[in-house]
N, C-alpha and C. Protein backbone atom coordinates (compact mmCIF):
# COMPACT_ATOMS: atom_id res chain seq x y z
N MET A 1 -59.89 91.73 81.37
CA MET A 1 -60.81 92.83 81.61
C MET A 1 -60.62 93.36 83.03
N VAL A 2 -60.62 94.65 83.15
CA VAL A 2 -60.41 95.29 84.45
C VAL A 2 -61.76 95.62 85.06
N ASP A 3 -61.94 95.26 86.33
CA ASP A 3 -63.17 95.63 87.03
C ASP A 3 -63.21 97.14 87.19
N GLU A 4 -64.36 97.73 86.90
CA GLU A 4 -64.49 99.18 87.07
C GLU A 4 -64.84 99.46 88.52
N LYS A 5 -63.95 100.18 89.18
CA LYS A 5 -64.13 100.51 90.59
C LYS A 5 -64.51 101.98 90.69
N PRO A 6 -65.18 102.34 91.78
CA PRO A 6 -65.47 103.77 91.96
C PRO A 6 -64.16 104.57 91.95
N ILE A 7 -64.24 105.77 91.42
CA ILE A 7 -63.05 106.62 91.33
C ILE A 7 -62.52 106.91 92.73
N SER A 8 -63.40 107.11 93.68
CA SER A 8 -62.96 107.35 95.05
C SER A 8 -64.06 106.92 96.00
N ASP A 9 -63.70 106.79 97.26
CA ASP A 9 -64.70 106.46 98.27
C ASP A 9 -65.08 107.70 99.07
N VAL A 10 -64.84 108.86 98.48
CA VAL A 10 -65.16 110.13 99.13
C VAL A 10 -66.67 110.29 99.20
N GLU A 11 -67.15 110.69 100.35
CA GLU A 11 -68.55 111.07 100.48
C GLU A 11 -68.70 111.94 101.71
N PRO A 12 -69.66 112.87 101.70
CA PRO A 12 -69.85 113.73 102.87
C PRO A 12 -70.42 112.94 104.04
N ASN A 13 -70.11 113.39 105.24
CA ASN A 13 -70.66 112.79 106.45
C ASN A 13 -72.01 113.45 106.72
N LEU A 14 -73.07 112.78 106.29
CA LEU A 14 -74.41 113.37 106.41
C LEU A 14 -74.96 113.27 107.83
N ASP A 15 -74.29 112.50 108.70
CA ASP A 15 -74.73 112.36 110.09
C ASP A 15 -74.17 113.46 110.99
N ARG A 16 -73.17 114.20 110.49
CA ARG A 16 -72.54 115.25 111.27
C ARG A 16 -73.46 116.45 111.36
N PRO A 17 -73.62 117.03 112.57
CA PRO A 17 -74.44 118.25 112.66
C PRO A 17 -73.80 119.37 111.84
N LYS A 18 -74.61 120.09 111.09
CA LYS A 18 -74.08 121.18 110.27
C LYS A 18 -73.64 122.35 111.14
N GLU A 19 -72.58 123.02 110.71
CA GLU A 19 -72.11 124.22 111.39
C GLU A 19 -72.80 125.44 110.76
N VAL A 20 -72.82 126.55 111.48
CA VAL A 20 -73.54 127.76 111.05
C VAL A 20 -73.15 128.20 109.64
N LEU A 21 -71.86 128.21 109.33
CA LEU A 21 -71.42 128.74 108.04
C LEU A 21 -71.74 127.80 106.87
N GLU A 22 -72.25 126.62 107.15
CA GLU A 22 -72.66 125.72 106.07
C GLU A 22 -74.02 126.12 105.50
N ASN A 23 -74.67 127.08 106.13
CA ASN A 23 -75.94 127.59 105.61
C ASN A 23 -75.72 128.63 104.52
N PHE A 24 -74.48 129.04 104.29
CA PHE A 24 -74.16 130.08 103.32
C PHE A 24 -73.40 129.50 102.14
N ASP A 25 -73.66 130.05 100.95
CA ASP A 25 -72.86 129.72 99.79
C ASP A 25 -71.47 130.33 100.01
N LEU A 26 -70.44 129.63 99.57
CA LEU A 26 -69.07 130.12 99.79
C LEU A 26 -68.87 131.52 99.22
N LYS A 27 -69.55 131.84 98.12
CA LYS A 27 -69.39 133.17 97.52
C LYS A 27 -70.00 134.27 98.37
N ASP A 28 -70.84 133.90 99.33
CA ASP A 28 -71.45 134.88 100.24
C ASP A 28 -70.66 135.07 101.53
N LEU A 29 -69.49 134.44 101.61
CA LEU A 29 -68.64 134.54 102.79
C LEU A 29 -67.35 135.23 102.41
N GLY A 30 -66.80 136.02 103.33
CA GLY A 30 -65.53 136.69 103.07
C GLY A 30 -64.63 136.65 104.28
N MET A 31 -63.35 136.45 104.04
CA MET A 31 -62.37 136.48 105.12
C MET A 31 -62.02 137.95 105.40
N VAL A 32 -62.17 138.36 106.67
CA VAL A 32 -61.93 139.76 107.01
C VAL A 32 -60.77 139.96 107.98
N GLY A 33 -60.15 138.88 108.44
CA GLY A 33 -59.02 139.02 109.34
C GLY A 33 -58.68 137.71 110.02
N THR A 34 -57.71 137.78 110.93
CA THR A 34 -57.29 136.61 111.69
C THR A 34 -57.07 137.00 113.15
N LEU A 35 -57.13 136.01 114.00
CA LEU A 35 -56.79 136.15 115.42
C LEU A 35 -55.84 135.02 115.78
N GLN A 36 -54.90 135.31 116.66
CA GLN A 36 -54.01 134.25 117.11
C GLN A 36 -54.39 133.87 118.53
N GLY A 37 -54.63 132.57 118.73
CA GLY A 37 -55.00 132.07 120.05
C GLY A 37 -53.80 132.04 120.98
N VAL A 38 -54.06 131.80 122.25
CA VAL A 38 -53.01 131.76 123.26
C VAL A 38 -51.95 130.71 122.92
N THR A 39 -52.38 129.59 122.36
CA THR A 39 -51.44 128.51 122.03
C THR A 39 -50.79 128.70 120.67
N GLY A 40 -51.07 129.81 120.01
CA GLY A 40 -50.47 130.08 118.71
C GLY A 40 -51.34 129.65 117.54
N ASN A 41 -52.48 129.03 117.82
CA ASN A 41 -53.39 128.64 116.75
C ASN A 41 -53.94 129.87 116.06
N LEU A 42 -54.04 129.81 114.74
CA LEU A 42 -54.57 130.93 113.98
C LEU A 42 -56.03 130.68 113.65
N PHE A 43 -56.87 131.65 113.96
CA PHE A 43 -58.29 131.60 113.64
C PHE A 43 -58.55 132.62 112.54
N ALA A 44 -59.44 132.30 111.63
CA ALA A 44 -59.85 133.26 110.60
C ALA A 44 -61.18 133.88 111.02
N LEU A 45 -61.36 135.13 110.68
CA LEU A 45 -62.63 135.82 110.92
C LEU A 45 -63.37 135.89 109.58
N ILE A 46 -64.58 135.36 109.58
CA ILE A 46 -65.39 135.26 108.36
C ILE A 46 -66.65 136.12 108.52
N ARG A 47 -66.92 136.95 107.51
CA ARG A 47 -68.15 137.74 107.50
C ARG A 47 -69.15 137.05 106.58
N ASP A 48 -70.37 136.86 107.09
CA ASP A 48 -71.42 136.29 106.24
C ASP A 48 -72.17 137.44 105.55
N ASN A 49 -73.05 137.10 104.62
CA ASN A 49 -73.74 138.15 103.86
C ASN A 49 -74.86 138.82 104.66
N ALA A 50 -75.04 138.39 105.92
CA ALA A 50 -76.01 139.06 106.81
C ALA A 50 -75.28 140.00 107.77
N GLY A 51 -73.96 140.13 107.62
CA GLY A 51 -73.18 141.04 108.46
C GLY A 51 -72.60 140.41 109.71
N GLY A 52 -72.87 139.13 109.94
CA GLY A 52 -72.31 138.45 111.11
C GLY A 52 -70.84 138.11 110.91
N ILE A 53 -70.10 138.06 112.01
CA ILE A 53 -68.69 137.68 111.97
C ILE A 53 -68.53 136.37 112.74
N HIS A 54 -67.80 135.43 112.15
CA HIS A 54 -67.62 134.11 112.73
C HIS A 54 -66.13 133.79 112.82
N ARG A 55 -65.74 133.11 113.88
CA ARG A 55 -64.35 132.69 114.06
C ARG A 55 -64.25 131.21 113.69
N VAL A 56 -63.33 130.88 112.78
CA VAL A 56 -63.15 129.50 112.33
C VAL A 56 -61.69 129.12 112.38
N ARG A 57 -61.45 127.82 112.38
CA ARG A 57 -60.09 127.30 112.35
C ARG A 57 -60.09 126.00 111.55
N ALA A 58 -58.93 125.42 111.35
CA ALA A 58 -58.83 124.15 110.64
C ALA A 58 -59.72 123.13 111.34
N GLY A 59 -60.48 122.40 110.53
CA GLY A 59 -61.41 121.41 111.07
C GLY A 59 -62.85 121.86 111.06
N ASN A 60 -63.07 123.20 111.01
CA ASN A 60 -64.45 123.70 110.90
C ASN A 60 -64.94 123.52 109.47
N TYR A 61 -66.24 123.64 109.30
CA TYR A 61 -66.87 123.49 107.98
C TYR A 61 -67.55 124.80 107.59
N MET A 62 -67.58 125.06 106.28
CA MET A 62 -68.25 126.25 105.77
C MET A 62 -68.64 126.05 104.31
N GLY A 63 -69.66 126.77 103.86
CA GLY A 63 -70.15 126.64 102.50
C GLY A 63 -71.14 125.48 102.39
N GLN A 64 -71.84 125.45 101.28
CA GLN A 64 -72.92 124.47 101.11
C GLN A 64 -72.47 123.17 100.46
N ASN A 65 -71.16 123.03 100.18
CA ASN A 65 -70.65 121.81 99.58
C ASN A 65 -69.74 121.05 100.55
N TYR A 66 -70.14 121.00 101.82
CA TYR A 66 -69.41 120.23 102.83
C TYR A 66 -67.94 120.64 102.90
N GLY A 67 -67.68 121.95 102.80
CA GLY A 67 -66.31 122.45 102.79
C GLY A 67 -65.66 122.37 104.16
N ARG A 68 -64.58 121.58 104.27
CA ARG A 68 -63.84 121.43 105.52
C ARG A 68 -62.56 122.25 105.42
N ILE A 69 -62.35 123.10 106.42
CA ILE A 69 -61.16 123.96 106.43
C ILE A 69 -59.96 123.09 106.77
N ILE A 70 -58.94 123.13 105.90
CA ILE A 70 -57.74 122.33 106.15
C ILE A 70 -56.54 123.20 106.52
N GLY A 71 -56.68 124.51 106.35
CA GLY A 71 -55.57 125.39 106.72
C GLY A 71 -56.01 126.84 106.82
N VAL A 72 -55.46 127.55 107.79
CA VAL A 72 -55.73 128.97 107.96
C VAL A 72 -54.39 129.70 107.99
N GLY A 73 -54.25 130.66 107.09
CA GLY A 73 -53.06 131.49 107.05
C GLY A 73 -53.44 132.95 107.30
N GLU A 74 -52.44 133.82 107.31
CA GLU A 74 -52.69 135.24 107.57
C GLU A 74 -53.64 135.87 106.55
N THR A 75 -53.58 135.40 105.30
CA THR A 75 -54.37 136.03 104.25
C THR A 75 -55.22 135.05 103.45
N ARG A 76 -55.30 133.79 103.91
CA ARG A 76 -55.97 132.79 103.09
C ARG A 76 -56.48 131.62 103.93
N ILE A 77 -57.65 131.09 103.55
CA ILE A 77 -58.20 129.87 104.14
C ILE A 77 -58.25 128.82 103.04
N GLU A 78 -57.74 127.63 103.33
CA GLU A 78 -57.79 126.52 102.38
C GLU A 78 -58.88 125.55 102.81
N LEU A 79 -59.72 125.13 101.87
CA LEU A 79 -60.81 124.20 102.15
C LEU A 79 -60.77 123.05 101.15
N ILE A 80 -61.41 121.96 101.54
CA ILE A 80 -61.69 120.85 100.63
C ILE A 80 -63.20 120.67 100.64
N GLU A 81 -63.82 120.88 99.48
CA GLU A 81 -65.25 120.66 99.35
C GLU A 81 -65.49 119.25 98.81
N ILE A 82 -66.67 118.71 99.11
CA ILE A 82 -67.06 117.41 98.56
C ILE A 82 -68.29 117.67 97.69
N VAL A 83 -68.12 117.46 96.38
CA VAL A 83 -69.17 117.77 95.43
C VAL A 83 -69.53 116.54 94.60
N PRO A 84 -70.76 116.48 94.08
CA PRO A 84 -71.14 115.35 93.24
C PRO A 84 -70.26 115.28 91.99
N ASN A 85 -69.92 114.05 91.56
CA ASN A 85 -69.06 113.90 90.39
C ASN A 85 -69.85 113.71 89.10
N GLY A 86 -71.18 113.73 89.20
CA GLY A 86 -72.01 113.59 88.01
C GLY A 86 -72.28 112.14 87.63
N ARG A 87 -71.68 111.20 88.36
CA ARG A 87 -71.87 109.78 88.07
C ARG A 87 -72.37 109.03 89.30
N GLY A 88 -73.05 109.75 90.19
CA GLY A 88 -73.60 109.12 91.38
C GLY A 88 -72.65 109.04 92.55
N GLY A 89 -71.46 109.58 92.39
CA GLY A 89 -70.47 109.57 93.47
C GLY A 89 -70.08 110.99 93.86
N TRP A 90 -68.99 111.08 94.58
CA TRP A 90 -68.51 112.36 95.09
C TRP A 90 -67.04 112.53 94.76
N VAL A 91 -66.59 113.77 94.72
CA VAL A 91 -65.18 114.07 94.48
C VAL A 91 -64.79 115.26 95.35
N GLU A 92 -63.53 115.26 95.79
CA GLU A 92 -63.02 116.39 96.59
C GLU A 92 -62.55 117.48 95.65
N ARG A 93 -62.83 118.73 96.04
CA ARG A 93 -62.43 119.88 95.24
C ARG A 93 -61.79 120.91 96.15
N PRO A 94 -60.53 121.26 95.89
CA PRO A 94 -59.89 122.30 96.71
C PRO A 94 -60.46 123.67 96.40
N ARG A 95 -60.63 124.47 97.43
CA ARG A 95 -61.11 125.85 97.29
C ARG A 95 -60.32 126.70 98.28
N SER A 96 -60.39 127.99 98.10
CA SER A 96 -59.76 128.88 99.07
C SER A 96 -60.53 130.19 99.13
N LEU A 97 -60.40 130.84 100.27
CA LEU A 97 -60.92 132.19 100.46
C LEU A 97 -59.72 133.04 100.80
N THR A 98 -59.63 134.21 100.19
CA THR A 98 -58.52 135.10 100.52
C THR A 98 -59.03 136.30 101.28
N LEU A 99 -58.14 136.93 101.99
CA LEU A 99 -58.47 138.10 102.81
C LEU A 99 -59.07 139.18 101.93
N ASP A 100 -60.20 139.71 102.35
CA ASP A 100 -60.86 140.80 101.66
C ASP A 100 -60.23 142.10 102.14
N GLU A 101 -59.34 142.66 101.31
CA GLU A 101 -58.59 143.86 101.68
C GLU A 101 -59.49 145.07 101.92
N ASP A 102 -60.68 145.05 101.32
CA ASP A 102 -61.60 146.18 101.46
C ASP A 102 -62.51 146.06 102.68
N ALA A 103 -62.40 144.95 103.39
CA ALA A 103 -63.30 144.71 104.54
C ALA A 103 -62.98 145.69 105.66
N GLY A 104 -63.98 145.94 106.44
CA GLY A 104 -63.75 146.76 107.60
C GLY A 104 -64.57 147.97 107.53
């Protein structure tokens, strides 16, 4: 008989202070552009549904499902969200935001 182990040890860090964009549902956020830092780092510009613009980069968090940005490209942001798995645990879910061509 095989011992049943948790599918993963993934769980959100509930002790971490929330970032501003974690107050918004991901569907209420849109990528409107990018900026390149002096060192070549790429930042994404995110518009919230209240009209505010926020600068984010890999490592920042956004959305209400503990979404951590893992990559920023010219036209796309890649995130990993941590969502309940329905069995008392958590699972990682990849998500992305693409550049809103109509923004501006």
